């Protein structure tokens, strides 16, 4: 279920930033693959559950609009 009004909490943003660091420029599409398959990079191990929360609460539509402030 996707919710475009979802707002990630601080812990979820940390997990998303880690995914961005691990996956690089195409991090959103690679994270979507993780969400679809349930398989995550071992370097994201401690963030798997939090990233699944983001998937369940925000979904792919929310992720596509996600931006980090500098």
Protein backbone atom coordinates (compact mmCIF):
# COMPACT_ATOMS: atom_id res chain seq x y z
CA UNK A 1 0.00 0.00 0.00
CA UNK A 2 1.35 3.38 -0.95
CA UNK A 3 0.73 6.55 1.00
CA UNK A 4 1.98 9.82 -0.46
CA UNK A 5 1.32 11.60 2.84
CA UNK A 6 3.75 9.37 4.69
CA UNK A 7 6.60 11.19 6.43
CA UNK A 8 9.63 9.13 7.39
CA UNK A 9 10.92 9.45 10.94
CA UNK A 10 14.57 10.13 11.79
CA UNK A 11 15.48 6.44 12.06
CA UNK A 12 13.88 5.72 8.68
CA UNK A 13 15.76 8.61 7.08
CA UNK A 14 19.03 7.22 8.45
CA UNK A 15 18.21 3.86 6.85
CA UNK A 16 17.34 5.53 3.54
CA UNK A 17 20.57 7.53 3.57
CA UNK A 18 22.50 4.32 4.21
CA UNK A 19 20.75 2.69 1.24
CA UNK A 20 21.69 5.69 -0.88
CA UNK A 21 25.31 5.36 0.20
CA UNK A 22 25.42 1.60 -0.41
CA UNK A 23 23.63 1.60 -3.77
CA UNK A 24 24.95 4.83 -5.28
CA UNK A 25 23.27 6.92 -7.98
CA UNK A 26 20.53 4.38 -8.78
CA UNK A 27 19.73 3.76 -5.13
CA UNK A 28 15.98 4.15 -5.46
CA UNK A 29 15.60 1.56 -8.21
CA UNK A 30 17.92 -0.82 -6.36
CA UNK A 31 15.97 -0.35 -3.14
CA UNK A 32 12.77 -1.09 -5.04
CA UNK A 33 14.28 -4.40 -6.13
CA UNK A 34 15.05 -5.18 -2.49
CA UNK A 35 11.46 -4.37 -1.61
CA UNK A 36 10.14 -6.61 -4.38
CA UNK A 37 12.37 -9.56 -3.59
CA UNK A 38 12.82 -9.19 0.16
CA UNK A 39 16.57 -9.54 -0.36
CA UNK A 40 18.85 -6.83 0.92
CA UNK A 41 22.55 -6.19 0.64
CA UNK A 42 24.43 -7.55 3.64
CA UNK A 43 25.77 -4.04 4.23
CA UNK A 44 22.19 -2.93 4.96
CA UNK A 45 21.57 -5.77 7.41
CA UNK A 46 20.76 -3.62 10.42
CA UNK A 47 18.36 -1.49 8.37
CA UNK A 48 16.30 -4.22 6.65
CA UNK A 49 13.33 -4.00 9.02
CA UNK A 50 13.29 -0.20 8.94
CA UNK A 51 13.46 -0.14 5.15
CA UNK A 52 10.54 -2.58 5.05
CA UNK A 53 8.60 -0.18 7.28
CA UNK A 54 9.22 2.57 4.74
CA UNK A 55 8.01 0.25 1.99
CA UNK A 56 4.88 -0.69 3.89
CA UNK A 57 4.04 2.83 5.01
CA UNK A 58 5.23 4.96 2.11
CA UNK A 59 5.78 2.68 -0.86
CA UNK A 60 7.40 3.19 -4.21
CA UNK A 61 5.47 6.36 -5.03
CA UNK A 62 6.69 8.01 -1.86
CA UNK A 63 10.26 6.83 -2.51
CA UNK A 64 10.25 8.34 -6.00
CA UNK A 65 9.54 11.73 -4.42
CA UNK A 66 11.96 11.34 -1.52
CA UNK A 67 14.67 14.02 -1.42
CA UNK A 68 17.37 14.70 1.15
CA UNK A 69 18.17 18.23 2.19
CA UNK A 70 21.82 19.15 1.81
